[in-house]
Amino acid sequence: MRTGFSIYSFWNAFRKREMTVEEAFAFMHDHGAQATEIADFSVPLHQGLPGPFRVMGYDPDMERKLVEYAEKYQVPMSAYSCGSDISRVKGDDYKRFMEHLQNEIDLAHRLGIPLIRIDLVRVMVGKDDVGIEAYDQLFEQAVASAQTLADYAAQYGMTVTVENHGTLMNGADRVRKLVRAVNKPNYGVTLDLGNTVCVDEDPVFTARDLIALAKEIHVKDFYIRNDPYAIGAKFKNGYSAPDPSVLGNGSWLTTKHLRYLRGAIVGQGDLPMRELIRTVVQSEFAGDMLIEFEGMEDPRIACELSLSNLRQIMELESC
């Protein structure tokens, strides 16, 4: 198993102009990262202003630079991640958006990346759209879209995944049902060990249920709180905010059942990290385990500690 980082882990430093993409690759090399995931929402690969369905051109200069950085710093690009809400798009817009996602697969292939995670729904949805009724309504189109994308990626020998994340496409049963229905040998799961708490499921049980379908793993930790006053959220219903996922007070997220989450350094949050890593180590999983940090701390410090903690736990659980 290789360990490393999703480049999304450095998003806060990118946003503040405290780190460049090349500096992120240099950091990963210096800390022994064996692989990285490129995320289209944190690396400027696209040109022009995004339209309602993100139909944009690509920046060939950034493509070239990514290949150069991966070779220069000896950190292979093992996965590419792109956001999408394809299961909700209709008519001509669906055709346009599907062409865009196929272009994303082409891009990942040009970068030499063997796995692409493509979201089928947006990450967080309003409180009226998290139930099983909403999931069932979009399920048929989500399956058909995933099958089309998997077939398209097969020409390159690439794997396509869906991630358990957010408040709609999350939870062991929903994700497993989708992957089983897609029923393609090159389709599976990017298993995020922390994200299942977004829908208030036990992360260990979810990991056990999905590990056999996992093609890639994101390692993430969270602080979990129930009292909004204690974290300064002022008892605001997160689903009524313009961004239903973020309360705007220290990067706290709102779960399906209105608990509160904030990203943490791996091993320092409230998730049972040793049990989660034990589930992976004792399975037949042989892919990449990548830190996906999204907390408040300086990502350079947080990523260094997270990777060190992950490797220490892996060593303990492998004995």
C-alpha atoms as a PDB file:
ATOM      1  CA  MET A   1       0.000   0.000   0.000  1.00  0.00           C
ATOM      2  CA  ARG A   2       1.315   3.423  -0.947  1.00  0.00           C
ATOM      3  CA  THR A   3       0.652   6.431   1.284  1.00  0.00           C
ATOM      4  CA  GLY A   4       0.540  10.094   0.369  1.00  0.00           C
ATOM      5  CA  PHE A   5      -1.765  13.078   0.026  1.00  0.00           C
ATOM      6  CA  SER A   6      -4.670  14.357  -1.953  1.00  0.00           C
ATOM      7  CA  ILE A   7      -3.401  17.703  -3.195  1.00  0.00           C
ATOM      8  CA  TYR A   8      -6.733  19.064  -1.945  1.00  0.00           C
ATOM      9  CA  SER A   9      -5.146  18.858   1.532  1.00  0.00           C
ATOM     10  CA  PHE A  10      -3.233  22.046   0.683  1.00  0.00           C
ATOM     11  CA  TRP A  11      -6.271  24.008  -0.502  1.00  0.00           C
ATOM     12  CA  ASN A  12      -6.106  26.488   2.374  1.00  0.00           C
ATOM     13  CA  ALA A  13      -2.470  27.356   1.616  1.00  0.00           C
ATOM     14  CA  PHE A  14      -3.319  27.674  -2.096  1.00  0.00           C
ATOM     15  CA  ARG A  15      -6.260  29.931  -1.268  1.00  0.00           C
ATOM     16  CA  LYS A  16      -4.112  32.219   0.856  1.00  0.00           C
ATOM     17  CA  ARG A  17      -1.340  32.230  -1.768  1.00  0.00           C
ATOM     18  CA  GLU A  18       1.030  30.739   0.796  1.00  0.00           C
ATOM     19  CA  MET A  19       1.943  27.765  -1.377  1.00  0.00           C
ATOM     20  CA  THR A  20       2.150  27.004  -5.084  1.00  0.00           C
ATOM     21  CA  VAL A  21       1.348  23.700  -6.739  1.00  0.00           C
ATOM     22  CA  GLU A  22       5.047  23.061  -7.274  1.00  0.00           C
ATOM     23  CA  GLU A  23       5.750  23.793  -3.621  1.00  0.00           C
ATOM     24  CA  ALA A  24       3.087  21.249  -2.694  1.00  0.00           C
ATOM     25  CA  PHE A  25       4.876  18.613  -4.780  1.00  0.00           C
ATOM     26  CA  ALA A  26       8.183  19.572  -3.151  1.00  0.00           C
ATOM     27  CA  PHE A  27       6.575  19.262   0.284  1.00  0.00           C
ATOM     28  CA  MET A  28       5.173  15.830  -0.551  1.00  0.00           C
ATOM     29  CA  HIS A  29       8.566  14.658  -1.782  1.00  0.00           C
ATOM     30  CA  ASP A  30      10.323  15.957   1.324  1.00  0.00           C
ATOM     31  CA  HIS A  31       7.904  14.066   3.560  1.00  0.00           C
ATOM     32  CA  GLY A  32       8.084  10.778   1.711  1.00  0.00           C
ATOM     33  CA  ALA A  33       4.718  10.799  -0.035  1.00  0.00           C
ATOM     34  CA  GLN A  34       4.489   7.875  -2.432  1.00  0.00           C
ATOM     35  CA  ALA A  35       1.479   9.146  -4.421  1.00  0.00           C
ATOM     36  CA  THR A  36      -0.875  12.082  -4.798  1.00  0.00           C
ATOM     37  CA  GLU A  37      -4.395  12.704  -6.015  1.00  0.00           C
ATOM     38  CA  ILE A  38      -5.069  15.752  -8.196  1.00  0.00           C
ATOM     39  CA  ALA A  39      -8.374  17.509  -7.522  1.00  0.00           C
ATOM     40  CA  ASP A  40      -9.863  19.830 -10.124  1.00  0.00           C
ATOM     41  CA  PHE A  41     -11.340  21.993  -7.362  1.00  0.00           C
ATOM     42  CA  SER A  42      -7.907  22.812  -5.899  1.00  0.00           C
ATOM     43  CA  VAL A  43      -5.536  22.858  -8.900  1.00  0.00           C
ATOM     44  CA  PRO A  44      -6.178  25.417 -11.685  1.00  0.00           C
ATOM     45  CA  LEU A  45      -6.442  23.025 -14.608  1.00  0.00           C
ATOM     46  CA  HIS A  46      -9.369  24.759 -16.294  1.00  0.00           C
ATOM     47  CA  GLN A  47      -9.457  27.945 -18.321  1.00  0.00           C
ATOM     48  CA  GLY A  48     -12.214  30.506 -18.431  1.00  0.00           C
ATOM     49  CA  LEU A  49     -15.160  31.072 -16.159  1.00  0.00           C
ATOM     50  CA  PRO A  50     -17.088  27.963 -15.136  1.00  0.00           C
ATOM     51  CA  GLY A  51     -20.562  27.743 -16.578  1.00  0.00           C
ATOM     52  CA  PRO A  52     -23.516  26.116 -14.816  1.00  0.00           C
ATOM     53  CA  PHE A  53     -22.199  22.709 -15.847  1.00  0.00           C
ATOM     54  CA  ARG A  54     -18.471  23.458 -15.695  1.00  0.00           C
ATOM     55  CA  VAL A  55     -18.046  23.217 -19.461  1.00  0.00           C
ATOM     56  CA  MET A  56     -14.637  24.844 -19.814  1.00  0.00           C
ATOM     57  CA  GLY A  57     -11.395  24.586 -21.687  1.00  0.00           C
ATOM     58  CA  TYR A  58      -8.205  23.208 -20.189  1.00  0.00           C
ATOM     59  CA  ASP A  59      -4.919  24.871 -19.379  1.00  0.00           C
ATOM     60  CA  PRO A  60      -2.231  22.979 -21.300  1.00  0.00           C
ATOM     61  CA  ASP A  61       0.483  24.817 -19.376  1.00  0.00           C
ATOM     62  CA  MET A  62      -0.769  23.465 -16.050  1.00  0.00           C
ATOM     63  CA  GLU A  63      -1.126  19.977 -17.542  1.00  0.00           C
ATOM     64  CA  ARG A  64       2.506  20.128 -18.619  1.00  0.00           C
ATOM     65  CA  LYS A  65       3.613  21.452 -15.251  1.00  0.00           C
ATOM     66  CA  LEU A  66       1.837  18.691 -13.328  1.00  0.00           C
ATOM     67  CA  VAL A  67       3.597  16.022 -15.368  1.00  0.00           C
ATOM     68  CA  GLU A  68       6.910  17.813 -14.833  1.00  0.00           C
ATOM     69  CA  TYR A  69       6.367  18.197 -11.093  1.00  0.00           C
ATOM     70  CA  ALA A  70       5.390  14.556 -10.651  1.00  0.00           C
ATOM     71  CA  GLU A  71       8.564  13.452 -12.411  1.00  0.00           C
ATOM     72  CA  LYS A  72      10.849  16.058 -10.830  1.00  0.00           C
ATOM     73  CA  TYR A  73       9.742  15.337  -7.271  1.00  0.00           C
ATOM     74  CA  GLN A  74       9.083  11.623  -7.803  1.00  0.00           C
ATOM     75  CA  VAL A  75       5.506  11.766  -6.520  1.00  0.00           C
ATOM     76  CA  PRO A  76       3.264   9.818  -8.931  1.00  0.00           C
ATOM     77  CA  MET A  77      -0.210  11.142  -9.689  1.00  0.00           C
ATOM     78  CA  SER A  78      -2.345   8.146  -8.781  1.00  0.00           C
ATOM     79  CA  ALA A  79      -5.839   9.621  -9.006  1.00  0.00           C
ATOM     80  CA  TYR A  80      -7.817  12.553 -10.359  1.00  0.00           C
ATOM     81  CA  SER A  81     -10.941  13.893  -8.680  1.00  0.00           C
ATOM     82  CA  CYS A  82     -13.647  16.050 -10.223  1.00  0.00           C
ATOM     83  CA  GLY A  83     -16.900  17.410  -8.896  1.00  0.00           C
ATOM     84  CA  SER A  84     -20.197  16.852 -10.688  1.00  0.00           C
ATOM     85  CA  ASP A  85     -23.962  16.767 -10.233  1.00  0.00           C
ATOM     86  CA  ILE A  86     -24.679  14.679 -13.329  1.00  0.00           C
ATOM     87  CA  SER A  87     -27.540  12.704 -11.804  1.00  0.00           C
ATOM     88  CA  ARG A  88     -29.714  15.831 -11.654  1.00  0.00           C
ATOM     89  CA  VAL A  89     -29.084  17.230 -15.158  1.00  0.00           C
ATOM     90  CA  LYS A  90     -31.675  16.815 -17.898  1.00  0.00           C
ATOM     91  CA  GLY A  91     -32.056  17.112 -21.679  1.00  0.00           C
ATOM     92  CA  ASP A  92     -29.401  18.831 -23.775  1.00  0.00           C
ATOM     93  CA  ASP A  93     -27.624  19.940 -20.633  1.00  0.00           C
ATOM     94  CA  TYR A  94     -27.096  16.309 -19.715  1.00  0.00           C
ATOM     95  CA  LYS A  95     -25.393  15.627 -23.048  1.00  0.00           C
ATOM     96  CA  ARG A  96     -23.128  18.673 -22.619  1.00  0.00           C
ATOM     97  CA  PHE A  97     -22.230  17.766 -19.076  1.00  0.00           C
ATOM     98  CA  MET A  98     -21.520  14.147 -19.965  1.00  0.00           C
ATOM     99  CA  GLU A  99     -19.180  15.332 -22.722  1.00  0.00           C
ATOM    100  CA  HIS A 100     -17.412  17.483 -20.141  1.00  0.00           C
ATOM    101  CA  LEU A 101     -16.948  14.493 -17.805  1.00  0.00           C
ATOM    102  CA  GLN A 102     -15.610  12.398 -20.674  1.00  0.00           C
ATOM    103  CA  ASN A 103     -13.174  15.242 -21.367  1.00  0.00           C
ATOM    104  CA  GLU A 104     -12.125  14.992 -17.713  1.00  0.00           C
ATOM    105  CA  ILE A 105     -11.350  11.318 -18.267  1.00  0.00           C
ATOM    106  CA  ASP A 106      -9.315  12.286 -21.349  1.00  0.00           C
ATOM    107  CA  LEU A 107      -7.432  14.812 -19.220  1.00  0.00           C
ATOM    108  CA  ALA A 108      -6.660  12.259 -16.516  1.00  0.00           C
ATOM    109  CA  HIS A 109      -5.379   9.909 -19.202  1.00  0.00           C
ATOM    110  CA  ARG A 110      -3.119  12.604 -20.644  1.00  0.00           C
ATOM    111  CA  LEU A 111      -1.707  13.105 -17.162  1.00  0.00           C
ATOM    112  CA  GLY A 112      -0.972   9.391 -16.918  1.00  0.00           C
ATOM    113  CA  ILE A 113      -3.436   8.895 -14.063  1.00  0.00           C
ATOM    114  CA  PRO A 114      -5.040   5.429 -13.769  1.00  0.00           C
ATOM    115  CA  LEU A 115      -8.052   6.296 -11.549  1.00  0.00           C
ATOM    116  CA  ILE A 116     -10.634   9.055 -11.700  1.00  0.00           C
ATOM    117  CA  ARG A 117     -13.214   9.823  -9.037  1.00  0.00           C
ATOM    118  CA  ILE A 118     -16.313  11.458 -10.533  1.00  0.00           C
ATOM    119  CA  ASP A 119     -19.029  12.715  -8.223  1.00  0.00           C
ATOM    120  CA  LEU A 120     -22.577  11.950  -9.295  1.00  0.00           C
ATOM    121  CA  VAL A 121     -24.264  14.473  -6.995  1.00  0.00           C
ATOM    122  CA  ARG A 122     -23.083  17.651  -5.327  1.00  0.00           C
ATOM    123  CA  VAL A 123     -21.447  17.201  -1.973  1.00  0.00           C
ATOM    124  CA  MET A 124     -23.923  18.710   0.485  1.00  0.00           C
ATOM    125  CA  VAL A 125     -27.631  19.186  -0.115  1.00  0.00           C
ATOM    126  CA  GLY A 126     -30.489  20.846   1.748  1.00  0.00           C
ATOM    127  CA  LYS A 127     -32.261  19.120   4.599  1.00  0.00           C
ATOM    128  CA  ASP A 128     -35.196  18.168   2.352  1.00  0.00           C
ATOM    129  CA  ASP A 129     -32.904  16.372  -0.121  1.00  0.00           C
ATOM    130  CA  VAL A 130     -30.963  13.964   2.091  1.00  0.00           C
ATOM    131  CA  GLY A 131     -33.610  11.271   2.520  1.00  0.00           C
ATOM    132  CA  ILE A 132     -33.917   7.938   0.766  1.00  0.00           C
ATOM    133  CA  GLU A 133     -36.741   9.338  -1.379  1.00  0.00           C
ATOM    134  CA  ALA A 134     -34.384  11.877  -2.959  1.00  0.00           C
ATOM    135  CA  TYR A 135     -31.746   9.192  -3.430  1.00  0.00           C
ATOM    136  CA  ASP A 136     -34.195   6.816  -5.105  1.00  0.00           C
ATOM    137  CA  GLN A 137     -35.374   9.585  -7.429  1.00  0.00           C
ATOM    138  CA  LEU A 138     -31.898  10.168  -8.845  1.00  0.00           C
ATOM    139  CA  PHE A 139     -30.656   6.573  -8.602  1.00  0.00           C
ATOM    140  CA  GLU A 140     -31.523   5.390 -12.125  1.00  0.00           C
ATOM    141  CA  GLN A 141     -29.792   8.302 -13.846  1.00  0.00           C
ATOM    142  CA  ALA A 142     -26.819   8.063 -11.488  1.00  0.00           C
ATOM    143  CA  VAL A 143     -26.341   4.401 -12.404  1.00  0.00           C
ATOM    144  CA  ALA A 144     -26.686   5.040 -16.142  1.00  0.00           C
ATOM    145  CA  SER A 145     -24.220   7.947 -15.960  1.00  0.00           C
ATOM    146  CA  ALA A 146     -21.694   5.885 -14.021  1.00  0.00           C
ATOM    147  CA  GLN A 147     -21.977   3.024 -16.524  1.00  0.00           C
ATOM    148  CA  THR A 148     -21.373   5.382 -19.447  1.00  0.00           C
ATOM    149  CA  LEU A 149     -18.349   6.909 -17.743  1.00  0.00           C
ATOM    150  CA  ALA A 150     -16.903   3.531 -16.789  1.00  0.00           C
ATOM    151  CA  ASP A 151     -17.273   2.288 -20.359  1.00  0.00           C
ATOM    152  CA  TYR A 152     -15.600   5.438 -21.687  1.00  0.00           C
ATOM    153  CA  ALA A 153     -12.696   5.113 -19.238  1.00  0.00           C
ATOM    154  CA  ALA A 154     -12.221   1.444 -20.105  1.00  0.00           C
ATOM    155  CA  GLN A 155     -10.620   2.388 -23.442  1.00  0.00           C
ATOM    156  CA  TYR A 156      -7.697   3.764 -21.412  1.00  0.00           C
ATOM    157  CA  GLY A 157      -7.624   0.930 -18.886  1.00  0.00           C
ATOM    158  CA  MET A 158      -8.762   3.421 -16.233  1.00  0.00           C
ATOM    159  CA  THR A 159     -10.826   2.894 -13.108  1.00  0.00           C
ATOM    160  CA  VAL A 160     -13.752   5.178 -12.214  1.00  0.00           C
ATOM    161  CA  THR A 161     -14.928   5.616  -8.630  1.00  0.00           C
ATOM    162  CA  VAL A 162     -17.636   7.236  -6.592  1.00  0.00           C
ATOM    163  CA  GLU A 163     -16.795   8.585  -3.150  1.00  0.00           C
ATOM    164  CA  ASN A 164     -18.920   8.238  -0.053  1.00  0.00           C
ATOM    165  CA  HIS A 165     -19.250  11.881   0.824  1.00  0.00           C
ATOM    166  CA  GLY A 166     -21.644  14.648   1.657  1.00  0.00           C
ATOM    167  CA  THR A 167     -25.173  14.055   2.854  1.00  0.00           C
ATOM    168  CA  LEU A 168     -26.786  12.331  -0.137  1.00  0.00           C
ATOM    169  CA  MET A 169     -24.336   9.965  -1.886  1.00  0.00           C
ATOM    170  CA  ASN A 170     -23.087   8.600   1.396  1.00  0.00           C
ATOM    171  CA  GLY A 171     -23.650   5.771   3.818  1.00  0.00           C
ATOM    172  CA  ALA A 172     -22.629   2.168   3.254  1.00  0.00           C
ATOM    173  CA  ASP A 173     -25.906   0.859   1.866  1.00  0.00           C
ATOM    174  CA  ARG A 174     -26.441   3.679  -0.626  1.00  0.00           C
ATOM    175  CA  VAL A 175     -22.910   3.507  -2.017  1.00  0.00           C
ATOM    176  CA  ARG A 176     -22.849  -0.280  -2.177  1.00  0.00           C
ATOM    177  CA  LYS A 177     -26.249  -0.339  -3.910  1.00  0.00           C
ATOM    178  CA  LEU A 178     -24.971   2.072  -6.552  1.00  0.00           C
ATOM    179  CA  VAL A 179     -21.737   0.205  -7.274  1.00  0.00           C
ATOM    180  CA  ARG A 180     -23.528  -3.143  -7.471  1.00  0.00           C
ATOM    181  CA  ALA A 181     -26.073  -1.687  -9.904  1.00  0.00           C
ATOM    182  CA  VAL A 182     -23.361  -0.162 -12.116  1.00  0.00           C
ATOM    183  CA  ASN A 183     -21.785  -3.616 -12.257  1.00  0.00           C
ATOM    184  CA  LYS A 184     -18.647  -2.704 -14.192  1.00  0.00           C
ATOM    185  CA  PRO A 185     -15.250  -4.302 -13.447  1.00  0.00           C
ATOM    186  CA  ASN A 186     -13.529  -0.885 -13.589  1.00  0.00           C
ATOM    187  CA  TYR A 187     -16.008   0.844 -11.280  1.00  0.00           C
ATOM    188  CA  GLY A 188     -15.640   1.033  -7.509  1.00  0.00           C
ATOM    189  CA  VAL A 189     -15.365   3.249  -4.460  1.00  0.00           C
ATOM    190  CA  THR A 190     -13.025   5.925  -3.239  1.00  0.00           C
ATOM    191  CA  LEU A 191     -13.562   5.004   0.394  1.00  0.00           C
ATOM    192  CA  ASP A 192     -13.275   8.013   2.671  1.00  0.00           C
ATOM    193  CA  LEU A 193     -12.748   6.694   6.183  1.00  0.00           C
ATOM    194  CA  GLY A 194     -14.159   9.842   7.780  1.00  0.00           C
ATOM    195  CA  ASN A 195     -16.915  11.083   5.519  1.00  0.00           C
ATOM    196  CA  THR A 196     -19.548   8.653   6.717  1.00  0.00           C
ATOM    197  CA  VAL A 197     -20.003  10.717   9.887  1.00  0.00           C
ATOM    198  CA  CYS A 198     -21.553  13.362   7.600  1.00  0.00           C
ATOM    199  CA  VAL A 199     -24.616  11.093   7.658  1.00  0.00           C
ATOM    200  CA  ASP A 200     -24.011  10.058  11.274  1.00  0.00           C
ATOM    201  CA  GLU A 201     -23.038   6.450  10.550  1.00  0.00           C
ATOM    202  CA  ASP A 202     -20.400   4.541  12.483  1.00  0.00           C
ATOM    203  CA  PRO A 203     -17.253   4.909  10.340  1.00  0.00           C
ATOM    204  CA  VAL A 204     -15.841   1.498  11.308  1.00  0.00           C
ATOM    205  CA  PHE A 205     -18.970  -0.339  10.193  1.00  0.00           C
ATOM    206  CA  THR A 206     -19.061   1.624   6.941  1.00  0.00           C
ATOM    207  CA  ALA A 207     -15.415   0.832   6.265  1.00  0.00           C
ATOM    208  CA  ARG A 208     -16.062  -2.871   6.853  1.00  0.00           C
ATOM    209  CA  ASP A 209     -19.047  -2.792   4.497  1.00  0.00           C
ATOM    210  CA  LEU A 210     -17.254  -0.970   1.658  1.00  0.00           C
ATOM    211  CA  ILE A 211     -13.624  -2.092   1.863  1.00  0.00           C
ATOM    212  CA  ALA A 212     -14.168  -4.917  -0.645  1.00  0.00           C
ATOM    213  CA  LEU A 213     -15.331  -2.338  -3.225  1.00  0.00           C
ATOM    214  CA  ALA A 214     -12.560   0.186  -2.499  1.00  0.00           C
ATOM    215  CA  LYS A 215     -10.123   1.186  -5.248  1.00  0.00           C
ATOM    216  CA  GLU A 216      -8.621   4.124  -3.332  1.00  0.00           C
ATOM    217  CA  ILE A 217      -8.817   5.302   0.284  1.00  0.00           C
ATOM    218  CA  HIS A 218      -8.961   8.804   1.736  1.00  0.00           C
ATOM    219  CA  VAL A 219      -7.775   9.048   5.318  1.00  0.00           C
ATOM    220  CA  LYS A 220      -9.533  11.816   7.211  1.00  0.00           C
ATOM    221  CA  ASP A 221     -10.297  12.706  10.812  1.00  0.00           C
ATOM    222  CA  PHE A 222     -12.986  14.937  12.311  1.00  0.00           C
ATOM    223  CA  TYR A 223     -13.880  16.649  15.525  1.00  0.00           C
ATOM    224  CA  ILE A 224     -17.531  15.858  16.307  1.00  0.00           C
ATOM    225  CA  ARG A 225     -19.665  18.171  18.430  1.00  0.00           C
ATOM    226  CA  ASN A 226     -23.351  18.289  19.367  1.00  0.00           C
ATOM    227  CA  ASP A 227     -23.584  21.686  21.085  1.00  0.00           C
ATOM    228  CA  PRO A 228     -23.585  24.573  18.590  1.00  0.00           C
ATOM    229  CA  TYR A 229     -23.202  27.141  21.361  1.00  0.00           C
ATOM    230  CA  ALA A 230     -19.957  25.530  22.500  1.00  0.00           C
ATOM    231  CA  ILE A 231     -18.380  25.928  19.053  1.00  0.00           C
ATOM    232  CA  GLY A 232     -19.744  29.409  18.443  1.00  0.00           C
ATOM    233  CA  ALA A 233     -22.313  28.387  15.859  1.00  0.00           C
ATOM    234  CA  LYS A 234     -25.083  30.286  17.725  1.00  0.00           C
ATOM    235  CA  PHE A 235     -27.590  27.548  17.121  1.00  0.00           C
ATOM    236  CA  LYS A 236     -27.875  28.409  13.457  1.00  0.00           C
ATOM    237  CA  ASN A 237     -29.464  25.772  11.274  1.00  0.00           C
ATOM    238  CA  GLY A 238     -26.687  25.035   8.807  1.00  0.00           C
ATOM    239  CA  TYR A 239     -29.155  24.022   6.115  1.00  0.00           C
ATOM    240  CA  SER A 240     -30.589  27.540   5.989  1.00  0.00           C
ATOM    241  CA  ALA A 241     -27.201  29.090   5.223  1.00  0.00           C
ATOM    242  CA  PRO A 242     -26.297  30.044   1.622  1.00  0.00           C
ATOM    243  CA  ASP A 243     -23.788  27.177   1.672  1.00  0.00           C
ATOM    244  CA  PRO A 244     -25.697  24.421   3.485  1.00  0.00           C
ATOM    245  CA  SER A 245     -22.522  22.590   4.450  1.00  0.00           C
ATOM    246  CA  VAL A 246     -20.531  25.292   6.234  1.00  0.00           C
ATOM    247  CA  LEU A 247     -21.624  27.402   9.184  1.00  0.00           C
ATOM    248  CA  GLY A 248     -18.962  29.977   8.445  1.00  0.00           C
ATOM    249  CA  ASN A 249     -17.567  29.718  11.951  1.00  0.00           C
ATOM    250  CA  GLY A 250     -14.277  27.838  11.970  1.00  0.00           C
ATOM    251  CA  SER A 251     -15.094  25.492   9.077  1.00  0.00           C
ATOM    252  CA  TRP A 252     -17.698  23.485  10.949  1.00  0.00           C
ATOM    253  CA  LEU A 253     -19.896  21.281   8.747  1.00  0.00           C
ATOM    254  CA  THR A 254     -23.485  20.295   9.419  1.00  0.00           C
ATOM    255  CA  THR A 255     -24.314  16.577   9.364  1.00  0.00           C
ATOM    256  CA  LYS A 256     -27.522  14.972   8.187  1.00  0.00           C
ATOM    257  CA  HIS A 257     -28.910  14.998  11.728  1.00  0.00           C
ATOM    258  CA  LEU A 258     -27.480  18.425  12.658  1.00  0.00           C
ATOM    259  CA  ARG A 259     -24.336  17.469  14.464  1.00  0.00           C
ATOM    260  CA  TYR A 260     -21.208  19.501  13.742  1.00  0.00           C
ATOM    261  CA  LEU A 261     -17.907  18.404  12.210  1.00  0.00           C
ATOM    262  CA  ARG A 262     -14.546  20.054  11.688  1.00  0.00           C
ATOM    263  CA  GLY A 263     -11.577  18.523   9.903  1.00  0.00           C
ATOM    264  CA  ALA A 264      -8.763  17.347  12.184  1.00  0.00           C
ATOM    265  CA  ILE A 265      -5.185  16.124  11.964  1.00  0.00           C
ATOM    266  CA  VAL A 266      -5.308  12.352  11.503  1.00  0.00           C
ATOM    267  CA  GLY A 267      -5.261  10.697  14.908  1.00  0.00           C
ATOM    268  CA  GLN A 268      -6.112  13.860  16.835  1.00  0.00           C
ATOM    269  CA  GLY A 269      -9.840  13.984  16.112  1.00  0.00           C
ATOM    270  CA  ASP A 270     -12.756  11.965  17.436  1.00  0.00           C
ATOM    271  CA  LEU A 271     -12.765   9.126  14.915  1.00  0.00           C
ATOM    272  CA  PRO A 272     -11.566   5.632  15.958  1.00  0.00           C
ATOM    273  CA  MET A 273      -8.516   5.861  13.719  1.00  0.00           C
ATOM    274  CA  ARG A 274      -6.756   2.689  14.848  1.00  0.00           C
ATOM    275  CA  GLU A 275      -9.876   0.612  14.218  1.00  0.00           C
ATOM    276  CA  LEU A 276     -10.326   2.215  10.802  1.00  0.00           C
ATOM    277  CA  ILE A 277      -6.726   1.590   9.740  1.00  0.00           C
ATOM    278  CA  ARG A 278      -6.908  -1.937  11.164  1.00  0.00           C
ATOM    279  CA  THR A 279      -9.908  -2.613   8.902  1.00  0.00           C
ATOM    280  CA  VAL A 280      -7.865  -1.579   5.872  1.00  0.00           C
ATOM    281  CA  VAL A 281      -4.635  -3.330   6.861  1.00  0.00           C
ATOM    282  CA  GLN A 282      -6.403  -6.606   7.588  1.00  0.00           C
ATOM    283  CA  SER A 283      -8.322  -6.531   4.297  1.00  0.00           C
ATOM    284  CA  GLU A 284      -7.138  -7.408   0.797  1.00  0.00           C
ATOM    285  CA  PHE A 285      -6.956  -3.740  -0.190  1.00  0.00           C
ATOM    286  CA  ALA A 286      -3.734  -2.992  -2.078  1.00  0.00           C
ATOM    287  CA  GLY A 287      -4.355   0.508  -3.437  1.00  0.00           C
ATOM    288  CA  ASP A 288      -3.301   3.950  -2.224  1.00  0.00           C
ATOM    289  CA  MET A 289      -4.128   5.496   1.154  1.00  0.00           C
ATOM    290  CA  LEU A 290      -4.068   9.263   0.790  1.00  0.00           C
ATOM    291  CA  ILE A 291      -4.446  11.898   3.492  1.00  0.00           C
ATOM    292  CA  GLU A 292      -7.292  14.315   2.728  1.00  0.00           C
ATOM    293  CA  PHE A 293      -6.925  17.074   5.306  1.00  0.00           C
ATOM    294  CA  GLU A 294      -9.537  19.829   5.456  1.00  0.00           C
ATOM    295  CA  GLY A 295      -9.112  21.393   8.877  1.00  0.00           C
ATOM    296  CA  MET A 296      -8.206  24.898  10.070  1.00  0.00           C
ATOM    297  CA  GLU A 297      -4.546  24.261  10.865  1.00  0.00           C
ATOM    298  CA  ASP A 298      -1.665  25.166   8.573  1.00  0.00           C
ATOM    299  CA  PRO A 299      -1.853  22.305   6.054  1.00  0.00           C
ATOM    300  CA  ARG A 300       1.922  21.871   6.023  1.00  0.00           C
ATOM    301  CA  ILE A 301       2.027  21.105   9.735  1.00  0.00           C
ATOM    302  CA  ALA A 302      -1.228  19.154   9.608  1.00  0.00           C
ATOM    303  CA  CYS A 303      -0.155  17.022   6.646  1.00  0.00           C
ATOM    304  CA  GLU A 304       3.249  16.226   8.132  1.00  0.00           C
ATOM    305  CA  LEU A 305       1.672  15.059  11.399  1.00  0.00           C
ATOM    306  CA  SER A 306      -1.184  13.249   9.645  1.00  0.00           C
ATOM    307  CA  LEU A 307       1.112  11.178   7.439  1.00  0.00           C
ATOM    308  CA  SER A 308       3.425  10.385  10.348  1.00  0.00           C
ATOM    309  CA  ASN A 309       0.475   9.280  12.477  1.00  0.00           C
ATOM    310  CA  LEU A 310      -1.012   7.214   9.668  1.00  0.00           C
ATOM    311  CA  ARG A 311       2.228   5.346   9.076  1.00  0.00           C
ATOM    312  CA  GLN A 312       2.715   4.740  12.787  1.00  0.00           C
ATOM    313  CA  ILE A 313      -0.784   3.272  13.079  1.00  0.00           C
ATOM    314  CA  MET A 314      -0.266   1.139   9.967  1.00  0.00           C
ATOM    315  CA  GLU A 315       2.943  -0.241  11.458  1.00  0.00           C
ATOM    316  CA  LEU A 316       1.238  -1.027  14.756  1.00  0.00           C
ATOM    317  CA  GLU A 317      -1.722  -2.731  13.081  1.00  0.00           C
ATOM    318  CA  SER A 318       0.518  -4.751  10.741  1.00  0.00           C
ATOM    319  CA  CYS A 319       2.359  -6.436  13.613  1.00  0.00           C
END
